[in-house]
Protein backbone atom coordinates (compact mmCIF):
# COMPACT_ATOMS: atom_id res chain seq x y z
CA MET A 1 -48.21 3.02 -146.14
CA THR A 2 -48.02 2.39 -142.50
CA ALA A 3 -51.14 3.30 -140.67
CA THR A 4 -50.70 5.82 -137.91
CA PRO A 5 -52.36 4.65 -134.77
CA SER A 6 -54.97 7.00 -133.51
CA THR A 7 -54.01 8.98 -130.47
CA PRO A 8 -56.15 8.08 -127.52
CA ALA A 9 -58.22 10.87 -126.09
CA ARG A 10 -56.40 12.63 -123.35
CA ALA A 11 -57.99 12.07 -120.01
CA GLY A 12 -59.14 15.43 -118.81
CA ARG A 13 -58.71 16.50 -115.22
CA PRO A 14 -61.91 16.70 -113.22
CA ARG A 15 -63.43 20.11 -113.55
CA GLN A 16 -63.10 22.05 -110.37
CA GLN A 17 -66.52 22.87 -109.06
CA ARG A 18 -67.16 26.57 -108.81
CA GLY A 19 -67.61 27.79 -105.27
CA GLU A 20 -71.11 28.90 -104.30
CA GLY A 21 -69.99 31.23 -101.56
CA GLN A 22 -70.94 28.82 -98.78
CA TRP A 23 -69.39 29.90 -95.50
CA ALA A 24 -69.33 26.31 -94.18
CA LYS A 25 -66.96 25.43 -97.03
CA GLY A 26 -64.63 28.32 -96.38
CA TYR A 27 -65.91 30.79 -98.98
CA PHE A 28 -65.91 34.01 -96.97
CA THR A 29 -64.78 36.33 -99.75
CA PRO A 30 -67.82 38.22 -101.09
CA LEU A 31 -68.70 37.07 -104.60
CA ASN A 32 -71.11 39.87 -105.49
CA ALA A 33 -71.90 43.44 -104.53
CA ASN A 34 -74.68 42.50 -102.11
CA GLU A 35 -72.38 40.23 -100.15
CA GLN A 36 -69.71 42.93 -100.07
CA THR A 37 -72.19 45.47 -98.72
CA LYS A 38 -73.18 43.12 -95.92
CA LYS A 39 -69.55 42.36 -95.10
CA ASP A 40 -68.71 46.06 -94.99
CA ASP A 41 -71.30 46.70 -92.29
CA ASP A 42 -74.15 44.78 -90.68
CA GLY A 43 -77.48 46.09 -91.92
CA LEU A 44 -78.74 46.44 -88.35
CA ASN A 45 -76.17 49.17 -87.77
CA VAL A 46 -77.80 51.53 -90.28
CA ARG A 47 -80.39 52.58 -87.73
CA ALA A 48 -77.88 54.80 -85.92
CA ARG A 49 -77.04 56.60 -89.15
CA ILE A 50 -80.72 57.11 -89.95
CA GLU A 51 -81.38 58.60 -86.52
CA ASN A 52 -78.21 60.65 -86.18
CA ILE A 53 -77.31 61.69 -89.74
CA TYR A 54 -79.83 61.04 -92.51
CA ALA A 55 -82.90 62.28 -90.64
CA TYR A 56 -81.14 65.63 -90.27
CA ARG A 57 -79.31 65.91 -93.59
CA GLY A 58 -82.08 64.48 -95.79
CA PHE A 59 -82.34 62.08 -98.69
CA ASP A 60 -79.41 63.40 -100.72
CA ALA A 61 -76.98 62.64 -97.88
CA ILE A 62 -77.77 58.90 -97.82
CA ASP A 63 -74.94 56.54 -98.78
CA GLY A 64 -75.84 54.30 -101.74
CA GLY A 65 -75.01 51.09 -99.90
CA ASP A 66 -77.34 52.11 -97.11
CA LEU A 67 -80.08 53.42 -99.39
CA ARG A 68 -80.44 50.34 -101.62
CA GLY A 69 -79.15 47.76 -99.19
CA ARG A 70 -78.97 48.19 -95.45
CA PHE A 71 -82.13 50.32 -95.13
CA ARG A 72 -84.08 47.14 -95.78
CA TRP A 73 -82.92 45.72 -92.46
CA TRP A 74 -85.21 48.33 -90.90
CA GLY A 75 -88.15 47.90 -93.28
CA LEU A 76 -87.34 50.70 -95.74
CA TYR A 77 -87.38 50.52 -99.54
CA THR A 78 -87.18 53.48 -101.87
CA GLN A 79 -90.37 53.92 -103.89
CA ARG A 80 -90.58 54.04 -107.65
CA ARG A 81 -90.36 57.55 -109.01
CA PRO A 82 -93.76 58.54 -110.50
CA GLY A 83 -94.10 58.60 -114.27
CA ILE A 84 -91.67 55.78 -115.12
CA ASP A 85 -93.45 53.20 -117.27
CA GLY A 86 -92.99 49.45 -117.05
CA GLY A 87 -90.83 49.29 -120.15
CA LYS A 88 -88.06 51.09 -118.27
CA THR A 89 -88.12 48.85 -115.18
CA GLY A 90 -85.21 46.68 -116.21
CA ILE A 91 -83.35 49.35 -118.17
CA LEU A 92 -82.83 52.32 -115.87
CA GLU A 93 -80.18 52.51 -113.17
CA PRO A 94 -81.42 52.29 -109.57
CA GLU A 95 -80.82 55.98 -108.97
CA ASP A 96 -83.05 56.79 -111.93
CA LEU A 97 -85.88 54.66 -110.54
CA ASP A 98 -85.61 55.89 -106.94
CA ASP A 99 -88.05 58.41 -105.62
CA LYS A 100 -87.08 60.42 -102.55
CA TYR A 101 -89.80 58.68 -100.53
CA PHE A 102 -89.90 55.28 -98.91
CA MET A 103 -92.16 52.32 -98.44
CA LEU A 104 -92.05 51.33 -94.76
CA ARG A 105 -93.06 47.82 -93.74
CA VAL A 106 -94.39 47.31 -90.23
CA ARG A 107 -93.51 43.87 -88.94
CA ILE A 108 -96.52 42.02 -87.45
CA ASP A 109 -95.40 38.55 -86.31
CA GLY A 110 -98.33 36.15 -86.25
CA GLY A 111 -100.57 38.90 -87.60
CA ARG A 112 -101.32 39.91 -83.99
CA LEU A 113 -102.38 43.49 -83.24
CA SER A 114 -103.83 45.13 -80.17
CA LEU A 115 -106.09 48.12 -80.68
CA ALA A 116 -103.33 50.40 -79.38
CA GLN A 117 -101.01 49.00 -82.04
CA LEU A 118 -103.59 49.34 -84.80
CA ARG A 119 -104.22 52.93 -83.78
CA ALA A 120 -100.49 53.64 -83.79
CA ILE A 121 -100.21 52.39 -87.37
CA ALA A 122 -103.24 54.50 -88.29
CA GLU A 123 -101.64 57.56 -86.69
CA VAL A 124 -98.37 57.02 -88.58
CA SER A 125 -100.28 56.49 -91.82
CA GLU A 126 -102.24 59.71 -91.45
CA LYS A 127 -99.39 61.84 -90.13
CA TYR A 128 -96.43 60.61 -92.15
CA ALA A 129 -97.61 58.41 -95.06
CA ARG A 130 -100.36 60.39 -96.84
CA GLY A 131 -102.95 58.03 -95.40
CA THR A 132 -101.60 54.94 -97.18
CA ALA A 133 -101.79 51.44 -95.68
CA ASP A 134 -101.75 48.08 -97.46
CA VAL A 135 -102.32 44.73 -95.74
CA THR A 136 -99.91 42.27 -97.35
CA ASP A 137 -100.06 38.52 -97.84
CA ARG A 138 -97.21 38.27 -95.31
CA GLN A 139 -99.44 39.69 -92.53
CA ASN A 140 -97.53 43.01 -92.56
CA ILE A 141 -98.88 46.50 -93.13
CA GLN A 142 -96.99 48.67 -95.64
CA LEU A 143 -96.97 52.45 -95.67
CA HIS A 144 -95.85 54.73 -98.51
CA TRP A 145 -94.65 58.30 -99.08
CA VAL A 146 -92.48 58.16 -95.97
CA ARG A 147 -89.71 60.80 -95.71
CA ILE A 148 -86.37 59.89 -94.16
CA GLU A 149 -86.70 62.93 -91.88
CA ASP A 150 -89.80 61.36 -90.27
CA VAL A 151 -88.49 57.84 -89.71
CA PRO A 152 -87.20 58.37 -86.12
CA SER A 153 -90.57 59.81 -85.09
CA ILE A 154 -92.36 56.87 -86.77
CA TRP A 155 -90.18 54.40 -84.89
CA LYS A 156 -90.91 56.16 -81.62
CA THR A 157 -94.66 55.88 -82.21
CA LEU A 158 -94.58 52.25 -83.31
CA GLU A 159 -92.12 51.05 -80.69
CA GLY A 160 -94.10 52.82 -78.00
CA VAL A 161 -96.81 50.19 -78.47
CA GLY A 162 -94.51 47.21 -79.04
CA LEU A 163 -94.33 47.25 -82.84
CA SER A 164 -91.17 47.26 -84.93
CA THR A 165 -89.85 47.51 -88.47
CA ALA A 166 -86.68 45.56 -87.59
CA GLU A 167 -85.80 42.98 -90.24
CA ALA A 168 -89.10 43.51 -92.03
CA CYS A 169 -86.99 43.38 -95.22
CA GLY A 170 -83.42 42.40 -96.09
CA ASP A 171 -81.34 39.21 -96.00
CA VAL A 172 -82.72 38.25 -92.60
CA PRO A 173 -85.54 36.29 -90.96
CA ARG A 174 -88.63 38.12 -92.18
CA VAL A 175 -91.97 38.31 -90.36
CA ILE A 176 -93.09 35.03 -88.80
CA LEU A 177 -96.44 33.97 -90.20
CA GLY A 178 -98.91 32.62 -87.68
CA SER A 179 -102.54 31.61 -87.61
CA PRO A 180 -104.80 34.64 -87.09
CA VAL A 181 -107.05 32.41 -84.98
CA ALA A 182 -104.27 30.95 -82.83
CA GLY A 183 -105.55 30.15 -79.38
CA ILE A 184 -109.24 30.64 -80.21
CA SER A 185 -110.01 28.08 -82.92
CA ALA A 186 -111.65 24.85 -81.84
CA ALA A 187 -110.11 23.14 -84.87
CA GLU A 188 -106.55 24.11 -83.95
CA VAL A 189 -104.17 21.25 -83.22
CA ILE A 190 -101.84 23.39 -81.11
CA ASP A 191 -101.29 27.12 -80.48
CA GLY A 192 -97.98 28.17 -82.01
CA THR A 193 -97.97 31.66 -80.45
CA PRO A 194 -95.43 30.85 -77.68
CA ALA A 195 -92.94 29.65 -80.31
CA ILE A 196 -93.45 32.77 -82.45
CA GLU A 197 -92.89 34.99 -79.42
CA GLU A 198 -89.76 33.11 -78.33
CA ILE A 199 -88.17 33.12 -81.79
CA SER A 200 -88.84 36.83 -82.04
CA ARG A 201 -87.39 37.46 -78.58
CA ARG A 202 -84.23 35.40 -79.12
CA TYR A 203 -83.37 35.89 -82.75
CA ILE A 204 -85.00 38.86 -84.48
CA GLY A 205 -82.48 41.68 -84.50
CA ASN A 206 -79.76 39.27 -83.38
CA PRO A 207 -76.48 39.66 -85.37
CA GLU A 208 -76.21 35.85 -85.37
CA PHE A 209 -78.80 35.82 -88.16
CA SER A 210 -78.54 39.32 -89.63
CA ASN A 211 -76.43 38.25 -92.63
CA LEU A 212 -78.20 35.42 -94.44
CA PRO A 213 -77.72 34.67 -98.15
CA ARG A 214 -81.15 36.17 -98.80
CA LYS A 215 -84.52 36.45 -97.07
CA PHE A 216 -85.76 33.65 -94.81
CA LYS A 217 -89.50 33.14 -94.43
CA THR A 218 -91.13 31.34 -91.51
CA ALA A 219 -94.65 30.00 -90.86
CA ILE A 220 -95.93 28.44 -87.63
CA SER A 221 -99.53 27.33 -87.17
CA GLY A 222 -101.64 24.68 -85.54
CA LEU A 223 -103.90 25.00 -88.57
CA GLN A 224 -102.99 24.88 -92.26
CA ASP A 225 -103.73 28.54 -92.85
CA VAL A 226 -100.30 30.17 -93.33
CA VAL A 227 -99.17 28.86 -96.75
CA HIS A 228 -96.72 26.45 -95.12
CA GLU A 229 -96.05 24.79 -98.48
CA ILE A 230 -94.14 27.81 -99.84
CA ASN A 231 -92.08 29.05 -96.88
CA ASP A 232 -88.40 28.45 -96.17
CA ILE A 233 -89.35 26.80 -92.89
CA SER A 234 -92.78 25.83 -91.60
CA PHE A 235 -94.07 24.15 -88.49
CA VAL A 236 -97.46 22.54 -89.16
CA GLY A 237 -99.68 21.32 -86.34
CA VAL A 238 -99.94 17.53 -86.03
CA VAL A 239 -100.76 14.99 -83.31
CA HIS A 240 -98.08 12.40 -82.62
CA PRO A 241 -99.65 9.06 -81.63
CA GLU A 242 -97.45 8.85 -78.52
CA LEU A 243 -96.25 12.38 -77.81
CA GLY A 244 -99.45 14.32 -78.46
CA PRO A 245 -99.79 17.68 -80.23
CA GLY A 246 -96.73 19.28 -81.82
CA PHE A 247 -95.45 20.26 -85.23
CA ASP A 248 -94.40 18.66 -88.50
CA LEU A 249 -91.26 20.29 -89.96
CA TRP A 250 -91.14 21.50 -93.59
CA VAL A 251 -88.25 23.27 -95.33
CA GLY A 252 -87.31 24.74 -98.70
CA GLY A 253 -90.50 26.26 -100.10
CA GLY A 254 -90.61 29.40 -102.22
CA LEU A 255 -92.03 30.88 -105.42
CA SER A 256 -90.62 33.66 -107.64
CA THR A 257 -89.19 32.59 -111.02
CA ASN A 258 -88.21 29.08 -109.78
CA PRO A 259 -91.04 27.82 -107.59
CA HIS A 260 -90.51 24.92 -105.19
CA PHE A 261 -92.88 23.33 -102.73
CA ALA A 262 -91.41 22.75 -99.29
CA LYS A 263 -90.28 19.26 -98.34
CA ARG A 264 -91.31 17.41 -95.21
CA LEU A 265 -88.40 16.22 -93.08
CA ASN A 266 -90.68 13.60 -91.46
CA ALA A 267 -89.69 15.09 -88.12
CA PHE A 268 -91.94 15.80 -85.12
CA VAL A 269 -91.08 18.93 -83.11
CA PRO A 270 -92.65 19.60 -79.69
CA LEU A 271 -93.73 23.21 -79.07
CA GLU A 272 -90.91 23.94 -76.63
CA GLU A 273 -88.29 22.77 -79.16
CA VAL A 274 -89.51 24.90 -82.08
CA PRO A 275 -87.16 27.87 -81.42
CA GLU A 276 -84.09 25.63 -81.24
CA VAL A 277 -85.01 23.75 -84.41
CA TRP A 278 -85.81 27.03 -86.16
CA ALA A 279 -82.36 28.36 -85.24
CA GLY A 280 -80.77 25.15 -86.54
CA VAL A 281 -82.45 25.42 -89.94
CA CYS A 282 -81.69 29.14 -90.17
CA SER A 283 -78.05 28.37 -89.32
CA ILE A 284 -77.84 25.82 -92.13
CA PHE A 285 -79.09 28.48 -94.52
CA ARG A 286 -76.57 30.99 -93.17
CA ASP A 287 -73.63 28.58 -93.38
CA TYR A 288 -74.44 26.40 -96.40
CA GLY A 289 -76.70 28.71 -98.41
CA TYR A 290 -75.50 29.78 -101.84
CA ARG A 291 -74.10 33.32 -101.87
CA ARG A 292 -72.47 33.53 -105.30
CA LEU A 293 -75.62 34.31 -107.33
CA ARG A 294 -78.58 36.19 -105.87
CA SER A 295 -80.85 34.16 -108.14
CA ARG A 296 -79.85 30.97 -106.26
CA ALA A 297 -79.43 32.44 -102.79
CA ARG A 298 -82.61 30.92 -101.33
CA LEU A 299 -82.92 27.88 -99.11
CA LYS A 300 -85.10 26.10 -101.68
CA PHE A 301 -82.11 25.56 -103.97
CA LEU A 302 -79.99 24.00 -101.23
CA VAL A 303 -82.87 21.72 -100.18
CA ALA A 304 -83.45 20.72 -103.81
CA ASP A 305 -79.76 19.82 -104.22
CA TRP A 306 -79.39 18.01 -100.91
CA GLY A 307 -82.76 16.34 -100.58
CA ALA A 308 -84.78 16.04 -97.36
CA ALA A 309 -82.77 13.15 -95.90
CA LYS A 310 -79.41 14.90 -96.10
CA PHE A 311 -80.87 18.16 -94.84
CA ARG A 312 -82.29 16.42 -91.78
CA GLU A 313 -79.00 14.61 -91.19
CA VAL A 314 -76.99 17.86 -91.26
CA LEU A 315 -79.54 19.54 -88.98
CA GLU A 316 -79.32 16.72 -86.46
CA THR A 317 -75.57 16.05 -86.51
CA GLU A 318 -74.03 19.49 -87.00
CA TYR A 319 -76.53 21.83 -85.36
CA LEU A 320 -78.91 20.15 -82.93
CA LYS A 321 -76.40 17.46 -81.87
CA ARG A 322 -79.29 15.04 -81.37
CA PRO A 323 -81.77 13.10 -83.49
CA LEU A 324 -85.24 14.38 -84.20
CA THR A 325 -88.28 12.19 -83.60
CA ASP A 326 -90.05 10.77 -86.62
CA GLY A 327 -93.59 12.04 -86.91
CA PRO A 328 -96.85 11.89 -88.86
CA ALA A 329 -97.83 14.04 -91.82
CA PRO A 330 -100.62 16.61 -91.43
CA GLU A 331 -104.10 15.52 -92.37
CA PRO A 332 -105.30 16.85 -95.75
CA ALA A 333 -106.77 20.31 -95.31
CA PRO A 334 -109.13 22.30 -97.54
CA THR A 335 -107.62 24.84 -99.89
CA TYR A 336 -110.23 27.59 -99.65
CA GLU A 337 -110.77 28.05 -95.92
CA ARG A 338 -107.53 29.77 -95.02
CA ASP A 339 -108.73 33.37 -95.04
CA HIS A 340 -111.21 33.05 -92.11
CA ILE A 341 -113.70 35.36 -93.79
CA GLY A 342 -117.15 35.57 -92.20
CA VAL A 343 -118.51 35.08 -88.69
CA HIS A 344 -117.14 32.12 -86.73
CA VAL A 345 -117.55 30.79 -83.21
CA GLN A 346 -114.48 30.74 -81.01
CA LYS A 347 -113.85 27.88 -78.62
CA ASP A 348 -114.73 30.20 -75.71
CA GLY A 349 -118.19 30.91 -77.15
CA ASN A 350 -117.38 34.38 -78.46
CA HIS A 351 -117.09 35.07 -82.19
CA TYR A 352 -114.48 36.34 -84.56
CA VAL A 353 -115.40 38.34 -87.64
CA GLY A 354 -113.24 38.15 -90.76
CA PHE A 355 -113.62 40.81 -93.45
CA ALA A 356 -112.19 41.61 -96.86
CA PRO A 357 -110.68 44.97 -97.76
CA ARG A 358 -110.37 45.52 -101.48
CA VAL A 359 -107.14 43.66 -102.54
CA GLY A 360 -105.56 44.51 -99.19
CA ARG A 361 -105.82 48.26 -99.64
CA VAL A 362 -107.04 50.29 -96.71
CA ASP A 363 -105.92 53.65 -95.29
CA GLY A 364 -105.04 55.16 -91.96
CA ALA A 365 -108.48 56.59 -91.35
CA THR A 366 -110.08 53.21 -92.00
CA LEU A 367 -107.66 51.44 -89.67
CA ALA A 368 -108.61 53.89 -86.92
CA LYS A 369 -112.31 53.21 -87.58
CA ILE A 370 -111.70 49.46 -87.41
CA ALA A 371 -110.08 49.95 -84.01
CA ASP A 372 -113.10 51.99 -82.85
CA LEU A 373 -115.54 49.34 -84.10
CA ALA A 374 -113.59 46.57 -82.42
CA GLU A 375 -113.56 48.48 -79.14
CA ALA A 376 -117.30 49.13 -79.37
CA ALA A 377 -117.81 45.40 -79.89
CA GLY A 378 -115.84 44.62 -76.73
CA SER A 379 -112.66 43.44 -78.45
CA ASP A 380 -109.03 44.45 -78.03
CA ARG A 381 -107.59 42.11 -80.66
CA VAL A 382 -107.32 42.44 -84.44
CA ARG A 383 -105.50 40.05 -86.75
CA THR A 384 -104.08 40.18 -90.27
CA THR A 385 -104.07 37.10 -92.51
CA THR A 386 -101.91 35.69 -95.30
CA GLU A 387 -104.74 36.46 -97.74
CA GLN A 388 -104.71 40.27 -97.27
CA LYS A 389 -107.69 40.10 -94.91
CA LEU A 390 -108.44 41.30 -91.35
CA LEU A 391 -110.18 39.74 -88.35
CA ILE A 392 -111.70 41.14 -85.17
CA LEU A 393 -111.61 38.62 -82.32
CA ASP A 394 -113.61 38.13 -79.10
CA VAL A 395 -116.99 39.52 -80.19
CA ALA A 396 -119.98 38.57 -78.06
CA GLU A 397 -122.84 37.01 -80.02
CA GLU A 398 -125.23 39.87 -79.35
CA ARG A 399 -122.79 42.37 -80.88
CA VAL A 400 -121.96 40.47 -84.06
CA GLU A 401 -124.61 41.82 -86.42
CA GLU A 402 -124.06 45.42 -85.38
CA LEU A 403 -120.34 45.00 -86.05
CA VAL A 404 -120.95 43.34 -89.41
CA SER A 405 -123.22 46.18 -90.52
CA ALA A 406 -120.70 48.80 -89.44
CA LEU A 407 -117.84 47.06 -91.26
CA GLU A 408 -119.78 46.68 -94.47
CA ALA A 409 -120.72 50.37 -94.32
CA LEU A 410 -116.95 50.96 -94.64
CA ASP A 411 -116.83 48.61 -97.67
CA LEU A 412 -115.11 45.96 -95.53
CA GLN A 413 -117.12 42.96 -96.64
CA VAL A 414 -117.87 40.19 -94.12
CA ARG A 415 -120.01 38.32 -96.65
CA PRO A 416 -118.12 39.18 -99.83
CA SER A 417 -118.62 37.87 -103.33
CA VAL A 418 -116.28 35.11 -104.47
CA PHE A 419 -114.36 37.70 -106.42
CA ARG A 420 -113.88 40.16 -103.55
CA ARG A 421 -112.97 37.33 -101.21
CA SER A 422 -110.42 35.60 -103.39
CA THR A 423 -108.68 38.30 -105.42
CA MET A 424 -105.41 39.74 -104.19
CA ALA A 425 -102.69 41.90 -105.69
CA CYS A 426 -99.14 42.98 -104.98
CA THR A 427 -98.06 46.63 -104.74
CA GLY A 428 -97.47 46.98 -108.50
CA ILE A 429 -95.99 49.82 -110.52
CA GLU A 430 -97.63 52.51 -108.39
CA PHE A 431 -94.82 52.20 -105.85
CA CYS A 432 -92.62 49.16 -106.63
CA LYS A 433 -89.37 49.60 -108.58
CA LEU A 434 -89.48 45.99 -109.82
CA ALA A 435 -93.00 46.14 -111.22
CA ILE A 436 -93.84 46.28 -114.91
CA VAL A 437 -97.60 46.86 -114.67
CA GLU A 438 -100.23 48.36 -112.38
CA THR A 439 -101.96 45.84 -110.10
CA LYS A 440 -104.12 47.19 -107.28
CA LYS A 441 -106.43 49.30 -109.44
CA SER A 442 -106.64 46.63 -112.15
CA ALA A 443 -107.56 43.96 -109.62
CA SER A 444 -110.12 46.22 -107.96
CA ASN A 445 -111.73 47.04 -111.31
CA LEU A 446 -111.74 43.34 -112.16
CA ILE A 447 -113.69 42.58 -108.98
CA ASP A 448 -116.31 45.19 -109.86
CA GLU A 449 -116.72 43.90 -113.40
CA LEU A 450 -116.99 40.25 -112.37
CA GLU A 451 -119.52 41.03 -109.64
CA ARG A 452 -121.61 42.87 -112.23
CA ARG A 453 -121.30 40.25 -114.96
CA LEU A 454 -121.44 37.07 -112.84
CA PRO A 455 -123.61 37.89 -109.83
CA GLY A 456 -124.53 34.28 -109.17
CA PHE A 457 -121.06 32.76 -109.42
CA ASP A 458 -120.45 30.83 -106.18
CA GLN A 459 -117.55 28.45 -106.79
CA PRO A 460 -114.22 29.12 -105.05
CA LEU A 461 -111.91 30.95 -107.46
CA THR A 462 -108.64 32.61 -106.47
CA ILE A 463 -107.30 35.38 -108.69
CA ASN A 464 -103.79 36.64 -107.87
CA VAL A 465 -102.38 39.66 -109.69
CA ASN A 466 -98.63 40.33 -109.72
CA GLY A 467 -96.74 43.25 -111.24
CA CYS A 468 -93.57 41.31 -112.14
CA PRO A 469 -92.18 37.73 -112.14
CA ASN A 470 -91.26 37.74 -108.43
CA SER A 471 -94.64 36.37 -107.32
CA CYS A 472 -95.20 38.48 -104.21
CA ALA A 473 -98.90 37.79 -104.83
CA ARG A 474 -98.29 34.01 -105.24
CA ILE A 475 -99.40 33.73 -108.86
CA GLN A 476 -98.23 30.12 -109.32
CA VAL A 477 -100.57 28.78 -106.63
CA ALA A 478 -103.75 30.62 -107.66
CA ASP A 479 -106.61 29.31 -109.75
CA ILE A 480 -105.90 32.25 -112.05
CA GLY A 481 -102.43 33.70 -111.61
CA LEU A 482 -101.59 36.83 -113.56
CA LYS A 483 -97.92 37.77 -114.03
CA GLY A 484 -97.49 41.34 -115.20
CA GLN A 485 -95.62 42.02 -118.42
CA LEU A 486 -95.86 44.19 -121.50
CA VAL A 487 -97.84 42.55 -124.31
CA LEU A 488 -99.03 43.52 -127.79
CA ASP A 489 -102.65 44.55 -128.25
CA GLU A 490 -104.78 43.98 -131.36
CA ASN A 491 -103.14 47.01 -133.02
CA GLY A 492 -99.63 45.77 -132.39
CA GLU A 493 -99.05 48.38 -129.69
CA GLN A 494 -97.14 47.48 -126.52
CA VAL A 495 -99.45 47.75 -123.51
CA GLU A 496 -99.75 46.49 -119.96
CA GLY A 497 -100.89 42.89 -119.68
CA TYR A 498 -100.36 39.52 -118.06
CA GLN A 499 -99.05 36.05 -118.66
CA VAL A 500 -101.70 33.63 -117.39
CA HIS A 501 -101.13 30.71 -114.99
CA LEU A 502 -104.13 28.41 -114.46
CA GLY A 503 -105.03 25.78 -111.87
CA GLY A 504 -102.46 26.41 -109.18
CA HIS A 505 -103.38 25.59 -105.61
CA LEU A 506 -102.05 24.84 -102.15
CA GLY A 507 -103.20 22.13 -99.80
CA ALA A 508 -104.85 18.92 -100.84
CA GLN A 509 -107.76 18.42 -103.20
CA VAL A 510 -109.74 15.20 -103.36
CA LYS A 511 -109.25 13.51 -106.72
CA LYS A 512 -112.31 13.60 -108.92
CA GLU A 513 -112.61 9.84 -109.05
CA ALA A 514 -111.92 9.24 -105.37
CA GLU A 515 -114.58 8.92 -102.68
CA SER A 516 -112.36 9.21 -99.62
CA THR A 517 -109.91 11.69 -98.13
CA ASP A 518 -107.26 9.04 -97.56
CA PRO A 519 -103.83 10.53 -98.37
CA ALA A 520 -103.55 8.16 -101.30
CA ASP A 521 -106.66 9.68 -102.83
CA VAL A 522 -105.74 13.35 -102.73
CA GLU A 523 -103.64 15.61 -104.89
CA ASP A 524 -100.91 17.72 -103.31
CA GLY A 525 -100.55 21.39 -104.16
CA ALA A 526 -99.76 22.22 -107.77
CA PHE A 527 -98.25 25.11 -109.66
CA GLY A 528 -100.43 26.74 -112.28
CA ARG A 529 -100.47 25.60 -115.88
CA LYS A 530 -99.20 27.99 -118.53
CA VAL A 531 -101.11 27.71 -121.82
CA ARG A 532 -98.80 28.18 -124.78
CA GLY A 533 -98.79 31.78 -125.92
CA LEU A 534 -101.64 32.80 -123.61
CA LYS A 535 -101.34 36.44 -122.62
CA VAL A 536 -104.03 39.01 -121.99
CA THR A 537 -103.97 42.79 -122.01
CA ALA A 538 -105.04 44.66 -118.90
CA ALA A 539 -107.96 46.15 -120.83
CA ALA A 540 -109.18 42.70 -121.93
CA LEU A 541 -108.75 41.07 -118.52
CA PRO A 542 -112.42 41.25 -117.37
CA ASP A 543 -113.59 39.72 -120.66
CA TYR A 544 -111.06 36.91 -120.38
CA VAL A 545 -111.81 35.98 -116.76
CA GLU A 546 -115.56 36.14 -117.39
CA ARG A 547 -115.19 33.83 -120.38
CA LEU A 548 -113.09 31.40 -118.37
CA ALA A 549 -115.46 31.38 -115.41
CA ARG A 550 -118.49 30.75 -117.65
CA ARG A 551 -116.76 27.81 -119.36
CA PHE A 552 -115.90 26.35 -115.97
CA GLN A 553 -119.53 26.64 -114.89
CA GLU A 554 -120.72 24.99 -118.09
CA GLN A 555 -118.21 22.13 -118.16
CA ARG A 556 -117.48 21.25 -114.53
CA THR A 557 -118.67 17.97 -113.13
CA GLU A 558 -120.12 17.58 -109.67
CA ASP A 559 -117.66 18.65 -106.94
CA GLU A 560 -114.97 19.44 -109.51
CA THR A 561 -112.73 22.37 -108.53
CA PHE A 562 -111.44 25.00 -110.91
CA ALA A 563 -107.93 23.56 -110.64
CA GLN A 564 -109.16 20.08 -111.53
CA TRP A 565 -111.13 21.41 -114.47
CA THR A 566 -108.15 23.32 -115.87
CA ALA A 567 -106.04 20.18 -115.67
CA ARG A 568 -108.34 18.41 -118.15
CA ALA A 569 -109.64 21.35 -120.19
CA SER A 570 -108.40 21.95 -123.72
CA GLU A 571 -106.16 24.88 -124.53
CA ALA A 572 -109.00 26.31 -126.62
CA ASP A 573 -111.29 26.32 -123.58
CA LEU A 574 -108.61 28.03 -121.49
CA SER A 575 -107.86 30.76 -124.04
């Protein structure tokens, strides 16, 4: 029998790479419903319809593309309809989840508020939002229970004092984070306020950047106090050995279900060049960002695929048309001093007073009282922080203690416990259509229980509570990060609970065995560790955190942080 020679494998043609919807590569055809909505009409244009049609005809007249899409360009989200439990979050259609009221986000770039602006927000809260007001970890203030009929009047009040809701949400440049102590801190490398103001003036509300693949988050600070590691673009204060103070450029940070730390481009940016460089990076995102899948439509995925070197090259050659200057990295900065809580001396000899609302929740009446207390103390400036806290600036030394006493009488703690200081929570199921569990009340109750059970606990410990996987409360970079989900209790019943992340942190921490703060001897930020199968019910949360905190106290070595302890602790000790 003659052997039949084997047929060689047929050489396959190279697989054609699927387009990612990148405009720079010619993919202008919308590849999903969100992209089609944006192509149909710029989200900025919806304001005219709100003012001229919807405010008169009411909620039922609102077009679906406007309601669940373009309204965000002006800071409006529909609230979750009351009575819908977390098990239905991912099952019901949007129209079944929508309430006929809105969350309205007030944009506060740099966290900067005058007393007139704070009073305007308080007035809107009391008059149109049932007294609600939440300070967010993006330095905004969010209001709830807003009716579409009242939105034009709200805008008139806010804009009358220089505030806006423009691009507070949507696929646009969101609020620009800035140091709440910009211009007054003696430790500040450089004041980034002029850059924040110029970016806002040139680009916010500009159609050039009103159709990005998804949201674009910015942080600018001469201190490391605005979570620069997890923003799309950050400018971090540094001193160039020849050029003096300026900024180090970082790109591609973000959390949610696929967390990425931002990458340094090793580029030094002088203050006056920050707006131009910002526009270049934002343009790269607009033109090269992935638009096919919403789940990959963030700058972090493009930066991860390209790498820092290619990203810098494209920025220089295609957008800036000039090279950037190489620059130094920021000095290691402490993790736990970003909230500015307490009484601190300004470089002009006055003081600023930082205080902690309960997980960012205040109300309109309280905001008005804060404005009155600030005025009585001789101040006209209040600031919000990225830790859901507030500051009053420019307080003379002789007025500090009176102000502190008055704030604490309002339960706004200037000298809070560790647990009040370092616990924050997202909006949760009370108002958010994405949430699975309640957050604000659970976190507030947790604070009370821990203060009662562990009155002497004095080690830094961040506890971040999130109602869903999207990490609005930054669960992956907290000592104890709690991601809301439904879990089974001891009776096998499905109840509200949390997946636990342990040992996350931002900034640098000195290694346990090191004796210096040389960059070689410090650990960069880390995402929290997930212990296999570790979930906790909402009811059992105080018991779990107490148990964990006591074990940390018992087992920690000298100067060991909670994050360092969790990295070496056994799973049994963390359960």
